[in-house]
Amino acid sequence: MTITCSLSHKKCIPCEGGVPPLEKKEIDKLLSELQNGWIVNESGHLYKKYKFPNFMQPIEFANKIAEIAEQEVHHPDLTISWGACIVEIWTHKIDGLTESDFILAAKIDGILV
């Protein structure tokens, strides 16, 4: 949990493109620093499904994510359904993962603490 806290205190760095995505070893290390539930999906994106007991809580959660995303200038894809909010994060400019993706994931996990 301490490492996740340090990730969540970092600032996302806007990507201008032209940088290589993280390699598997770096991804695995950063993934281990996040709370349970995050995976790298078949598209190579960070992915987590948050579950809730109703429809309104995922919407409220998504709105809190939107506030963080605007502050960090790094925007995840969100899918809201009854009882769930799916978060998918990657750096669009390079179609891969950067440290900023993991920073955003840690900040999103912090919403529920």
PDB file of N, CA and C in Angstrom:
ATOM      1  N   MET A   1       0.819  -1.203   0.000  1.00  0.00           N
ATOM      2  CA  MET A   1       0.000   0.000   0.000  1.00  0.00           C
ATOM      3  C   MET A   1       0.857   1.259   0.000  1.00  0.00           C
ATOM      4  N   THR A   2       2.002   1.221   0.631  1.00  0.00           N
ATOM      5  CA  THR A   2       2.875   2.385   0.676  1.00  0.00           C
ATOM      6  C   THR A   2       3.308   2.808  -0.717  1.00  0.00           C
ATOM      7  N   ILE A   3       3.637   1.832  -1.551  1.00  0.00           N
ATOM      8  CA  ILE A   3       4.091   2.147  -2.903  1.00  0.00           C
ATOM      9  C   ILE A   3       2.950   2.760  -3.706  1.00  0.00           C
ATOM     10  N   THR A   4       1.746   2.217  -3.565  1.00  0.00           N
ATOM     11  CA  THR A   4       0.598   2.786  -4.261  1.00  0.00           C
ATOM     12  C   THR A   4       0.418   4.238  -3.848  1.00  0.00           C
ATOM     13  N   CYS A   5       0.585   4.510  -2.555  1.00  0.00           N
ATOM     14  CA  CYS A   5       0.465   5.884  -2.083  1.00  0.00           C
ATOM     15  C   CYS A   5       1.494   6.768  -2.768  1.00  0.00           C
ATOM     16  N   SER A   6       2.719   6.270  -2.938  1.00  0.00           N
ATOM     17  CA  SER A   6       3.726   7.098  -3.599  1.00  0.00           C
ATOM     18  C   SER A   6       3.362   7.312  -5.069  1.00  0.00           C
ATOM     19  N   LEU A   7       2.829   6.307  -5.729  1.00  0.00           N
ATOM     20  CA  LEU A   7       2.365   6.493  -7.107  1.00  0.00           C
ATOM     21  C   LEU A   7       1.254   7.532  -7.150  1.00  0.00           C
ATOM     22  N   SER A   8       0.342   7.467  -6.204  1.00  0.00           N
ATOM     23  CA  SER A   8      -0.804   8.374  -6.228  1.00  0.00           C
ATOM     24  C   SER A   8      -0.411   9.814  -5.918  1.00  0.00           C
ATOM     25  N   HIS A   9       0.771  10.020  -5.362  1.00  0.00           N
ATOM     26  CA  HIS A   9       1.232  11.380  -5.084  1.00  0.00           C
ATOM     27  C   HIS A   9       2.054  11.969  -6.227  1.00  0.00           C
ATOM     28  N   LYS A  10       2.331  11.165  -7.233  1.00  0.00           N
ATOM     29  CA  LYS A  10       3.042  11.672  -8.401  1.00  0.00           C
ATOM     30  C   LYS A  10       2.056  12.367  -9.331  1.00  0.00           C
ATOM     31  N   LYS A  11       2.583  13.114 -10.272  1.00  0.00           N
ATOM     32  CA  LYS A  11       1.772  13.829 -11.258  1.00  0.00           C
ATOM     33  C   LYS A  11       1.920  13.150 -12.615  1.00  0.00           C
ATOM     34  N   CYS A  12       0.823  12.990 -13.308  1.00  0.00           N
ATOM     35  CA  CYS A  12       0.876  12.454 -14.669  1.00  0.00           C
ATOM     36  C   CYS A  12       1.622  13.442 -15.567  1.00  0.00           C
ATOM     37  N   ILE A  13       2.474  12.898 -16.408  1.00  0.00           N
ATOM     38  CA  ILE A  13       3.247  13.720 -17.333  1.00  0.00           C
ATOM     39  C   ILE A  13       2.651  13.547 -18.729  1.00  0.00           C
ATOM     40  N   PRO A  14       2.178  14.649 -19.334  1.00  0.00           N
ATOM     41  CA  PRO A  14       1.601  14.526 -20.674  1.00  0.00           C
ATOM     42  C   PRO A  14       2.611  13.939 -21.657  1.00  0.00           C
ATOM     43  N   CYS A  15       2.141  13.037 -22.480  1.00  0.00           N
ATOM     44  CA  CYS A  15       3.004  12.378 -23.462  1.00  0.00           C
ATOM     45  C   CYS A  15       2.875  13.101 -24.794  1.00  0.00           C
ATOM     46  N   GLU A  16       3.999  13.481 -25.348  1.00  0.00           N
ATOM     47  CA  GLU A  16       4.021  14.151 -26.647  1.00  0.00           C
ATOM     48  C   GLU A  16       4.155  13.152 -27.792  1.00  0.00           C
ATOM     49  N   GLY A  17       4.260  11.887 -27.456  1.00  0.00           N
ATOM     50  CA  GLY A  17       4.503  10.875 -28.476  1.00  0.00           C
ATOM     51  C   GLY A  17       5.999  10.712 -28.679  1.00  0.00           C
ATOM     52  N   GLY A  18       6.368   9.745 -29.467  1.00  0.00           N
ATOM     53  CA  GLY A  18       7.774   9.537 -29.760  1.00  0.00           C
ATOM     54  C   GLY A  18       8.557   8.825 -28.674  1.00  0.00           C
ATOM     55  N   VAL A  19       7.891   8.444 -27.594  1.00  0.00           N
ATOM     56  CA  VAL A  19       8.563   7.675 -26.540  1.00  0.00           C
ATOM     57  C   VAL A  19       8.078   6.237 -26.625  1.00  0.00           C
ATOM     58  N   PRO A  20       8.933   5.296 -26.304  1.00  0.00           N
ATOM     59  CA  PRO A  20       8.490   3.901 -26.378  1.00  0.00           C
ATOM     60  C   PRO A  20       7.582   3.556 -25.205  1.00  0.00           C
ATOM     61  N   PRO A  21       6.632   2.653 -25.401  1.00  0.00           N
ATOM     62  CA  PRO A  21       5.827   2.183 -24.277  1.00  0.00           C
ATOM     63  C   PRO A  21       6.715   1.407 -23.304  1.00  0.00           C
ATOM     64  N   LEU A  22       6.230   1.271 -22.088  1.00  0.00           N
ATOM     65  CA  LEU A  22       6.961   0.495 -21.086  1.00  0.00           C
ATOM     66  C   LEU A  22       7.130  -0.944 -21.551  1.00  0.00           C
ATOM     67  N   GLU A  23       8.226  -1.544 -21.158  1.00  0.00           N
ATOM     68  CA  GLU A  23       8.463  -2.954 -21.447  1.00  0.00           C
ATOM     69  C   GLU A  23       7.783  -3.807 -20.390  1.00  0.00           C
ATOM     70  N   LYS A  24       7.599  -5.086 -20.691  1.00  0.00           N
ATOM     71  CA  LYS A  24       6.867  -6.001 -19.814  1.00  0.00           C
ATOM     72  C   LYS A  24       7.412  -6.002 -18.390  1.00  0.00           C
ATOM     73  N   LYS A  25       8.716  -5.998 -18.231  1.00  0.00           N
ATOM     74  CA  LYS A  25       9.325  -6.017 -16.896  1.00  0.00           C
ATOM     75  C   LYS A  25       8.904  -4.785 -16.090  1.00  0.00           C
ATOM     76  N   GLU A  26       8.915  -3.611 -16.735  1.00  0.00           N
ATOM     77  CA  GLU A  26       8.504  -2.373 -16.071  1.00  0.00           C
ATOM     78  C   GLU A  26       7.008  -2.396 -15.763  1.00  0.00           C
ATOM     79  N   ILE A  27       6.222  -2.912 -16.692  1.00  0.00           N
ATOM     80  CA  ILE A  27       4.774  -3.009 -16.495  1.00  0.00           C
ATOM     81  C   ILE A  27       4.471  -3.916 -15.309  1.00  0.00           C
ATOM     82  N   ASP A  28       5.114  -5.073 -15.254  1.00  0.00           N
ATOM     83  CA  ASP A  28       4.874  -6.016 -14.156  1.00  0.00           C
ATOM     84  C   ASP A  28       5.226  -5.396 -12.809  1.00  0.00           C
ATOM     85  N   LYS A  29       6.317  -4.641 -12.750  1.00  0.00           N
ATOM     86  CA  LYS A  29       6.727  -3.999 -11.500  1.00  0.00           C
ATOM     87  C   LYS A  29       5.678  -2.979 -11.065  1.00  0.00           C
ATOM     88  N   LEU A  30       5.274  -2.111 -11.980  1.00  0.00           N
ATOM     89  CA  LEU A  30       4.290  -1.087 -11.639  1.00  0.00           C
ATOM     90  C   LEU A  30       2.930  -1.699 -11.330  1.00  0.00           C
ATOM     91  N   LEU A  31       2.555  -2.743 -12.042  1.00  0.00           N
ATOM     92  CA  LEU A  31       1.283  -3.423 -11.795  1.00  0.00           C
ATOM     93  C   LEU A  31       1.252  -3.984 -10.378  1.00  0.00           C
ATOM     94  N   SER A  32       2.375  -4.486  -9.900  1.00  0.00           N
ATOM     95  CA  SER A  32       2.441  -5.048  -8.544  1.00  0.00           C
ATOM     96  C   SER A  32       2.307  -3.968  -7.476  1.00  0.00           C
ATOM     97  N   GLU A  33       2.489  -2.718  -7.857  1.00  0.00           N
ATOM     98  CA  GLU A  33       2.383  -1.612  -6.916  1.00  0.00           C
ATOM     99  C   GLU A  33       0.958  -1.074  -6.798  1.00  0.00           C
ATOM    100  N   LEU A  34       0.066  -1.537  -7.652  1.00  0.00           N
ATOM    101  CA  LEU A  34      -1.332  -1.105  -7.606  1.00  0.00           C
ATOM    102  C   LEU A  34      -2.141  -2.030  -6.709  1.00  0.00           C
ATOM    103  N   GLN A  35      -3.326  -1.558  -6.314  1.00  0.00           N
ATOM    104  CA  GLN A  35      -4.232  -2.407  -5.550  1.00  0.00           C
ATOM    105  C   GLN A  35      -4.705  -3.559  -6.425  1.00  0.00           C
ATOM    106  N   ASN A  36      -5.221  -4.593  -5.772  1.00  0.00           N
ATOM    107  CA  ASN A  36      -5.720  -5.771  -6.493  1.00  0.00           C
ATOM    108  C   ASN A  36      -6.793  -5.393  -7.505  1.00  0.00           C
ATOM    109  N   GLY A  37      -6.863  -6.182  -8.550  1.00  0.00           N
ATOM    110  CA  GLY A  37      -7.927  -6.023  -9.539  1.00  0.00           C
ATOM    111  C   GLY A  37      -7.469  -5.456 -10.866  1.00  0.00           C
ATOM    112  N   TRP A  38      -6.333  -4.766 -10.887  1.00  0.00           N
ATOM    113  CA  TRP A  38      -5.831  -4.225 -12.147  1.00  0.00           C
ATOM    114  C   TRP A  38      -5.155  -5.325 -12.947  1.00  0.00           C
ATOM    115  N   ILE A  39      -5.458  -5.348 -14.237  1.00  0.00           N
ATOM    116  CA  ILE A  39      -4.784  -6.279 -15.148  1.00  0.00           C
ATOM    117  C   ILE A  39      -4.367  -5.500 -16.395  1.00  0.00           C
ATOM    118  N   VAL A  40      -3.514  -6.102 -17.184  1.00  0.00           N
ATOM    119  CA  VAL A  40      -3.242  -5.590 -18.521  1.00  0.00           C
ATOM    120  C   VAL A  40      -4.045  -6.480 -19.461  1.00  0.00           C
ATOM    121  N   ASN A  41      -5.024  -5.875 -20.147  1.00  0.00           N
ATOM    122  CA  ASN A  41      -5.926  -6.667 -20.989  1.00  0.00           C
ATOM    123  C   ASN A  41      -5.282  -7.020 -22.332  1.00  0.00           C
ATOM    124  N   GLU A  42      -6.042  -7.696 -23.170  1.00  0.00           N
ATOM    125  CA  GLU A  42      -5.524  -8.168 -24.462  1.00  0.00           C
ATOM    126  C   GLU A  42      -5.118  -7.026 -25.396  1.00  0.00           C
ATOM    127  N   SER A  43      -5.613  -5.820 -25.133  1.00  0.00           N
ATOM    128  CA  SER A  43      -5.230  -4.652 -25.935  1.00  0.00           C
ATOM    129  C   SER A  43      -3.973  -3.973 -25.401  1.00  0.00           C
ATOM    130  N   GLY A  44      -3.467  -4.477 -24.272  1.00  0.00           N
ATOM    131  CA  GLY A  44      -2.290  -3.868 -23.662  1.00  0.00           C
ATOM    132  C   GLY A  44      -2.605  -2.652 -22.818  1.00  0.00           C
ATOM    133  N   HIS A  45      -3.867  -2.538 -22.375  1.00  0.00           N
ATOM    134  CA  HIS A  45      -4.310  -1.412 -21.563  1.00  0.00           C
ATOM    135  C   HIS A  45      -4.496  -1.860 -20.116  1.00  0.00           C
ATOM    136  N   LEU A  46      -4.328  -0.922 -19.172  1.00  0.00           N
ATOM    137  CA  LEU A  46      -4.692  -1.207 -17.787  1.00  0.00           C
ATOM    138  C   LEU A  46      -6.210  -1.289 -17.714  1.00  0.00           C
ATOM    139  N   TYR A  47      -6.715  -2.248 -16.959  1.00  0.00           N
ATOM    140  CA  TYR A  47      -8.153  -2.517 -16.925  1.00  0.00           C
ATOM    141  C   TYR A  47      -8.535  -2.937 -15.513  1.00  0.00           C
ATOM    142  N   LYS A  48      -9.637  -2.365 -15.017  1.00  0.00           N
ATOM    143  CA  LYS A  48     -10.184  -2.802 -13.729  1.00  0.00           C
ATOM    144  C   LYS A  48     -11.690  -2.590 -13.734  1.00  0.00           C
ATOM    145  N   LYS A  49     -12.396  -3.572 -13.187  1.00  0.00           N
ATOM    146  CA  LYS A  49     -13.849  -3.473 -13.037  1.00  0.00           C
ATOM    147  C   LYS A  49     -14.161  -3.274 -11.560  1.00  0.00           C
ATOM    148  N   TYR A  50     -14.781  -2.142 -11.245  1.00  0.00           N
ATOM    149  CA  TYR A  50     -15.212  -1.836  -9.883  1.00  0.00           C
ATOM    150  C   TYR A  50     -16.682  -2.214  -9.769  1.00  0.00           C
ATOM    151  N   LYS A  51     -17.042  -2.879  -8.680  1.00  0.00           N
ATOM    152  CA  LYS A  51     -18.429  -3.313  -8.486  1.00  0.00           C
ATOM    153  C   LYS A  51     -19.096  -2.483  -7.394  1.00  0.00           C
ATOM    154  N   PHE A  52     -20.394  -2.230  -7.605  1.00  0.00           N
ATOM    155  CA  PHE A  52     -21.194  -1.426  -6.692  1.00  0.00           C
ATOM    156  C   PHE A  52     -22.563  -2.082  -6.512  1.00  0.00           C
ATOM    157  N   PRO A  53     -23.295  -1.718  -5.443  1.00  0.00           N
ATOM    158  CA  PRO A  53     -24.578  -2.371  -5.173  1.00  0.00           C
ATOM    159  C   PRO A  53     -25.779  -1.763  -5.902  1.00  0.00           C
ATOM    160  N   ASN A  54     -25.550  -0.750  -6.743  1.00  0.00           N
ATOM    161  CA  ASN A  54     -26.677  -0.096  -7.406  1.00  0.00           C
ATOM    162  C   ASN A  54     -26.193   0.622  -8.664  1.00  0.00           C
ATOM    163  N   PHE A  55     -27.031   1.448  -9.242  1.00  0.00           N
ATOM    164  CA  PHE A  55     -26.669   2.161 -10.465  1.00  0.00           C
ATOM    165  C   PHE A  55     -26.020   3.515 -10.198  1.00  0.00           C
ATOM    166  N   MET A  56     -26.460   4.213  -9.146  1.00  0.00           N
ATOM    167  CA  MET A  56     -25.980   5.568  -8.896  1.00  0.00           C
ATOM    168  C   MET A  56     -24.525   5.621  -8.442  1.00  0.00           C
ATOM    169  N   GLN A  57     -24.084   4.647  -7.671  1.00  0.00           N
ATOM    170  CA  GLN A  57     -22.705   4.690  -7.179  1.00  0.00           C
ATOM    171  C   GLN A  57     -21.663   4.629  -8.300  1.00  0.00           C
ATOM    172  N   PRO A  58     -21.845   3.801  -9.330  1.00  0.00           N
ATOM    173  CA  PRO A  58     -20.872   3.846 -10.431  1.00  0.00           C
ATOM    174  C   PRO A  58     -20.837   5.208 -11.135  1.00  0.00           C
ATOM    175  N   ILE A  59     -21.988   5.861 -11.233  1.00  0.00           N
ATOM    176  CA  ILE A  59     -22.035   7.181 -11.861  1.00  0.00           C
ATOM    177  C   ILE A  59     -21.286   8.198 -11.006  1.00  0.00           C
ATOM    178  N   GLU A  60     -21.514   8.164  -9.694  1.00  0.00           N
ATOM    179  CA  GLU A  60     -20.805   9.069  -8.786  1.00  0.00           C
ATOM    180  C   GLU A  60     -19.300   8.805  -8.837  1.00  0.00           C
ATOM    181  N   PHE A  61     -18.919   7.540  -8.882  1.00  0.00           N
ATOM    182  CA  PHE A  61     -17.517   7.150  -8.968  1.00  0.00           C
ATOM    183  C   PHE A  61     -16.904   7.681 -10.269  1.00  0.00           C
ATOM    184  N   ALA A  62     -17.613   7.523 -11.371  1.00  0.00           N
ATOM    185  CA  ALA A  62     -17.126   8.006 -12.668  1.00  0.00           C
ATOM    186  C   ALA A  62     -16.944   9.524 -12.656  1.00  0.00           C
ATOM    187  N   ASN A  63     -17.843  10.237 -11.996  1.00  0.00           N
ATOM    188  CA  ASN A  63     -17.705  11.690 -11.898  1.00  0.00           C
ATOM    189  C   ASN A  63     -16.457  12.078 -11.111  1.00  0.00           C
ATOM    190  N   LYS A  64     -16.135  11.324 -10.069  1.00  0.00           N
ATOM    191  CA  LYS A  64     -14.910  11.586  -9.301  1.00  0.00           C
ATOM    192  C   LYS A  64     -13.672  11.278 -10.147  1.00  0.00           C
ATOM    193  N   ILE A  65     -13.749  10.217 -10.933  1.00  0.00           N
ATOM    194  CA  ILE A  65     -12.648   9.898 -11.851  1.00  0.00           C
ATOM    195  C   ILE A  65     -12.466  11.042 -12.848  1.00  0.00           C
ATOM    196  N   ALA A  66     -13.574  11.578 -13.352  1.00  0.00           N
ATOM    197  CA  ALA A  66     -13.508  12.671 -14.324  1.00  0.00           C
ATOM    198  C   ALA A  66     -12.783  13.884 -13.744  1.00  0.00           C
ATOM    199  N   GLU A  67     -13.028  14.187 -12.472  1.00  0.00           N
ATOM    200  CA  GLU A  67     -12.346  15.314 -11.827  1.00  0.00           C
ATOM    201  C   GLU A  67     -10.839  15.081 -11.783  1.00  0.00           C
ATOM    202  N   ILE A  68     -10.436  13.880 -11.394  1.00  0.00           N
ATOM    203  CA  ILE A  68      -9.008  13.545 -11.343  1.00  0.00           C
ATOM    204  C   ILE A  68      -8.410  13.591 -12.747  1.00  0.00           C
ATOM    205  N   ALA A  69      -9.118  13.029 -13.709  1.00  0.00           N
ATOM    206  CA  ALA A  69      -8.620  12.995 -15.088  1.00  0.00           C
ATOM    207  C   ALA A  69      -8.380  14.407 -15.620  1.00  0.00           C
ATOM    208  N   GLU A  70      -9.271  15.318 -15.317  1.00  0.00           N
ATOM    209  CA  GLU A  70      -9.100  16.701 -15.759  1.00  0.00           C
ATOM    210  C   GLU A  70      -7.895  17.346 -15.083  1.00  0.00           C
ATOM    211  N   GLN A  71      -7.734  17.097 -13.775  1.00  0.00           N
ATOM    212  CA  GLN A  71      -6.581  17.653 -13.050  1.00  0.00           C
ATOM    213  C   GLN A  71      -5.268  17.114 -13.606  1.00  0.00           C
ATOM    214  N   GLU A  72      -5.257  15.843 -13.958  1.00  0.00           N
ATOM    215  CA  GLU A  72      -4.035  15.184 -14.422  1.00  0.00           C
ATOM    216  C   GLU A  72      -3.826  15.306 -15.937  1.00  0.00           C
ATOM    217  N   VAL A  73      -4.837  15.791 -16.644  1.00  0.00           N
ATOM    218  CA  VAL A  73      -4.828  15.870 -18.103  1.00  0.00           C
ATOM    219  C   VAL A  73      -4.467  14.496 -18.693  1.00  0.00           C
ATOM    220  N   HIS A  74      -5.117  13.487 -18.130  1.00  0.00           N
ATOM    221  CA  HIS A  74      -4.926  12.101 -18.588  1.00  0.00           C
ATOM    222  C   HIS A  74      -6.276  11.410 -18.402  1.00  0.00           C
ATOM    223  N   HIS A  75      -6.869  10.941 -19.473  1.00  0.00           N
ATOM    224  CA  HIS A  75      -8.277  10.549 -19.454  1.00  0.00           C
ATOM    225  C   HIS A  75      -8.470   9.071 -19.777  1.00  0.00           C
ATOM    226  N   PRO A  76      -9.064   8.324 -18.837  1.00  0.00           N
ATOM    227  CA  PRO A  76      -9.344   6.903 -19.077  1.00  0.00           C
ATOM    228  C   PRO A  76     -10.634   6.734 -19.863  1.00  0.00           C
ATOM    229  N   ASP A  77     -10.823   5.552 -20.400  1.00  0.00           N
ATOM    230  CA  ASP A  77     -12.125   5.171 -20.940  1.00  0.00           C
ATOM    231  C   ASP A  77     -12.927   4.581 -19.786  1.00  0.00           C
ATOM    232  N   LEU A  78     -14.182   4.988 -19.670  1.00  0.00           N
ATOM    233  CA  LEU A  78     -15.064   4.500 -18.610  1.00  0.00           C
ATOM    234  C   LEU A  78     -16.293   3.866 -19.231  1.00  0.00           C
ATOM    235  N   THR A  79     -16.703   2.734 -18.671  1.00  0.00           N
ATOM    236  CA  THR A  79     -17.949   2.084 -19.065  1.00  0.00           C
ATOM    237  C   THR A  79     -18.774   1.906 -17.802  1.00  0.00           C
ATOM    238  N   ILE A  80     -19.973   2.481 -17.802  1.00  0.00           N
ATOM    239  CA  ILE A  80     -20.845   2.415 -16.630  1.00  0.00           C
ATOM    240  C   ILE A  80     -22.032   1.520 -16.945  1.00  0.00           C
ATOM    241  N   SER A  81     -22.329   0.631 -16.009  1.00  0.00           N
ATOM    242  CA  SER A  81     -23.525  -0.204 -16.115  1.00  0.00           C
ATOM    243  C   SER A  81     -24.094  -0.367 -14.711  1.00  0.00           C
ATOM    244  N   TRP A  82     -25.239  -1.022 -14.615  1.00  0.00           N
ATOM    245  CA  TRP A  82     -25.822  -1.237 -13.297  1.00  0.00           C
ATOM    246  C   TRP A  82     -24.824  -2.035 -12.464  1.00  0.00           C
ATOM    247  N   GLY A  83     -24.396  -1.452 -11.346  1.00  0.00           N
ATOM    248  CA  GLY A  83     -23.528  -2.149 -10.409  1.00  0.00           C
ATOM    249  C   GLY A  83     -22.062  -2.204 -10.783  1.00  0.00           C
ATOM    250  N   ALA A  84     -21.634  -1.481 -11.823  1.00  0.00           N
ATOM    251  CA  ALA A  84     -20.224  -1.577 -12.213  1.00  0.00           C
ATOM    252  C   ALA A  84     -19.739  -0.326 -12.949  1.00  0.00           C
ATOM    253  N   CYS A  85     -18.452  -0.086 -12.788  1.00  0.00           N
ATOM    254  CA  CYS A  85     -17.747   0.919 -13.585  1.00  0.00           C
ATOM    255  C   CYS A  85     -16.439   0.281 -14.024  1.00  0.00           C
ATOM    256  N   ILE A  86     -16.256   0.168 -15.326  1.00  0.00           N
ATOM    257  CA  ILE A  86     -15.027  -0.397 -15.882  1.00  0.00           C
ATOM    258  C   ILE A  86     -14.119   0.763 -16.282  1.00  0.00           C
ATOM    259  N   VAL A  87     -12.865   0.672 -15.850  1.00  0.00           N
ATOM    260  CA  VAL A  87     -11.868   1.698 -16.150  1.00  0.00           C
ATOM    261  C   VAL A  87     -10.792   1.076 -17.036  1.00  0.00           C
ATOM    262  N   GLU A  88     -10.495   1.737 -18.141  1.00  0.00           N
ATOM    263  CA  GLU A  88      -9.444   1.287 -19.045  1.00  0.00           C
ATOM    264  C   GLU A  88      -8.516   2.473 -19.312  1.00  0.00           C
ATOM    265  N   ILE A  89      -7.223   2.268 -19.059  1.00  0.00           N
ATOM    266  CA  ILE A  89      -6.247   3.355 -19.143  1.00  0.00           C
ATOM    267  C   ILE A  89      -5.087   2.948 -20.045  1.00  0.00           C
ATOM    268  N   TRP A  90      -4.690   3.856 -20.920  1.00  0.00           N
ATOM    269  CA  TRP A  90      -3.461   3.707 -21.696  1.00  0.00           C
ATOM    270  C   TRP A  90      -3.100   5.079 -22.244  1.00  0.00           C
ATOM    271  N   THR A  91      -1.889   5.211 -22.702  1.00  0.00           N
ATOM    272  CA  THR A  91      -1.432   6.470 -23.277  1.00  0.00           C
ATOM    273  C   THR A  91      -1.726   6.431 -24.774  1.00  0.00           C
ATOM    274  N   HIS A  92      -2.732   7.177 -25.164  1.00  0.00           N
ATOM    275  CA  HIS A  92      -3.236   7.135 -26.535  1.00  0.00           C
ATOM    276  C   HIS A  92      -2.179   7.511 -27.575  1.00  0.00           C
ATOM    277  N   LYS A  93      -1.348   8.494 -27.280  1.00  0.00           N
ATOM    278  CA  LYS A  93      -0.368   8.976 -28.275  1.00  0.00           C
ATOM    279  C   LYS A  93       0.612   7.904 -28.710  1.00  0.00           C
ATOM    280  N   ILE A  94       0.885   6.926 -27.825  1.00  0.00           N
ATOM    281  CA  ILE A  94       1.833   5.870 -28.190  1.00  0.00           C
ATOM    282  C   ILE A  94       1.161   4.502 -28.236  1.00  0.00           C
ATOM    283  N   ASP A  95      -0.154   4.482 -27.987  1.00  0.00           N
ATOM    284  CA  ASP A  95      -0.930   3.239 -27.949  1.00  0.00           C
ATOM    285  C   ASP A  95      -0.221   2.174 -27.104  1.00  0.00           C
ATOM    286  N   GLY A  96       0.167   2.596 -25.922  1.00  0.00           N
ATOM    287  CA  GLY A  96       0.848   1.698 -24.988  1.00  0.00           C
ATOM    288  C   GLY A  96       0.784   2.274 -23.587  1.00  0.00           C
ATOM    289  N   LEU A  97       1.517   1.667 -22.670  1.00  0.00           N
ATOM    290  CA  LEU A  97       1.496   2.087 -21.273  1.00  0.00           C
ATOM    291  C   LEU A  97       2.735   2.895 -20.922  1.00  0.00           C
ATOM    292  N   THR A  98       2.509   3.941 -20.107  1.00  0.00           N
ATOM    293  CA  THR A  98       3.578   4.748 -19.530  1.00  0.00           C
ATOM    294  C   THR A  98       3.363   4.794 -18.024  1.00  0.00           C
ATOM    295  N   GLU A  99       4.333   5.336 -17.307  1.00  0.00           N
ATOM    296  CA  GLU A  99       4.175   5.441 -15.853  1.00  0.00           C
ATOM    297  C   GLU A  99       2.935   6.250 -15.494  1.00  0.00           C
ATOM    298  N   SER A 100       2.596   7.241 -16.291  1.00  0.00           N
ATOM    299  CA  SER A 100       1.417   8.071 -16.009  1.00  0.00           C
ATOM    300  C   SER A 100       0.141   7.245 -15.931  1.00  0.00           C
ATOM    301  N   ASP A 101       0.049   6.173 -16.690  1.00  0.00           N
ATOM    302  CA  ASP A 101      -1.132   5.308 -16.635  1.00  0.00           C
ATOM    303  C   ASP A 101      -1.264   4.669 -15.254  1.00  0.00           C
ATOM    304  N   PHE A 102      -0.154   4.267 -14.686  1.00  0.00           N
ATOM    305  CA  PHE A 102      -0.152   3.647 -13.365  1.00  0.00           C
ATOM    306  C   PHE A 102      -0.402   4.683 -12.271  1.00  0.00           C
ATOM    307  N   ILE A 103       0.099   5.893 -12.473  1.00  0.00           N
ATOM    308  CA  ILE A 103      -0.175   6.983 -11.536  1.00  0.00           C
ATOM    309  C   ILE A 103      -1.673   7.253 -11.501  1.00  0.00           C
ATOM    310  N   LEU A 104      -2.297   7.351 -12.670  1.00  0.00           N
ATOM    311  CA  LEU A 104      -3.739   7.590 -12.729  1.00  0.00           C
ATOM    312  C   LEU A 104      -4.506   6.444 -12.079  1.00  0.00           C
ATOM    313  N   ALA A 105      -4.102   5.206 -12.327  1.00  0.00           N
ATOM    314  CA  ALA A 105      -4.766   4.052 -11.712  1.00  0.00           C
ATOM    315  C   ALA A 105      -4.694   4.134 -10.191  1.00  0.00           C
ATOM    316  N   ALA A 106      -3.543   4.509  -9.646  1.00  0.00           N
ATOM    317  CA  ALA A 106      -3.391   4.628  -8.192  1.00  0.00           C
ATOM    318  C   ALA A 106      -4.281   5.736  -7.644  1.00  0.00           C
ATOM    319  N   LYS A 107      -4.384   6.839  -8.358  1.00  0.00           N
ATOM    320  CA  LYS A 107      -5.249   7.937  -7.920  1.00  0.00           C
ATOM    321  C   LYS A 107      -6.720   7.513  -7.943  1.00  0.00           C
ATOM    322  N   ILE A 108      -7.103   6.742  -8.946  1.00  0.00           N
ATOM    323  CA  ILE A 108      -8.484   6.251  -9.030  1.00  0.00           C
ATOM    324  C   ILE A 108      -8.773   5.311  -7.864  1.00  0.00           C
ATOM    325  N   ASP A 109      -7.852   4.408  -7.556  1.00  0.00           N
ATOM    326  CA  ASP A 109      -8.048   3.532  -6.399  1.00  0.00           C
ATOM    327  C   ASP A 109      -8.209   4.340  -5.118  1.00  0.00           C
ATOM    328  N   GLY A 110      -7.532   5.478  -5.034  1.00  0.00           N
ATOM    329  CA  GLY A 110      -7.607   6.319  -3.844  1.00  0.00           C
ATOM    330  C   GLY A 110      -8.979   6.913  -3.596  1.00  0.00           C
ATOM    331  N   ILE A 111      -9.813   6.965  -4.603  1.00  0.00           N
ATOM    332  CA  ILE A 111     -11.174   7.495  -4.442  1.00  0.00           C
ATOM    333  C   ILE A 111     -11.957   6.666  -3.433  1.00  0.00           C
ATOM    334  N   LEU A 112     -11.745   5.369  -3.432  1.00  0.00           N
ATOM    335  CA  LEU A 112     -12.545   4.466  -2.596  1.00  0.00           C
ATOM    336  C   LEU A 112     -11.957   4.240  -1.209  1.00  0.00           C
ATOM    337  N   VAL A 113     -10.822   4.862  -0.917  1.00  0.00           N
ATOM    338  CA  VAL A 113     -10.183   4.657   0.395  1.00  0.00           C
ATOM    339  C   VAL A 113     -10.888   5.472   1.440  1.00  0.00           C
TER     340      VAL A 113
END
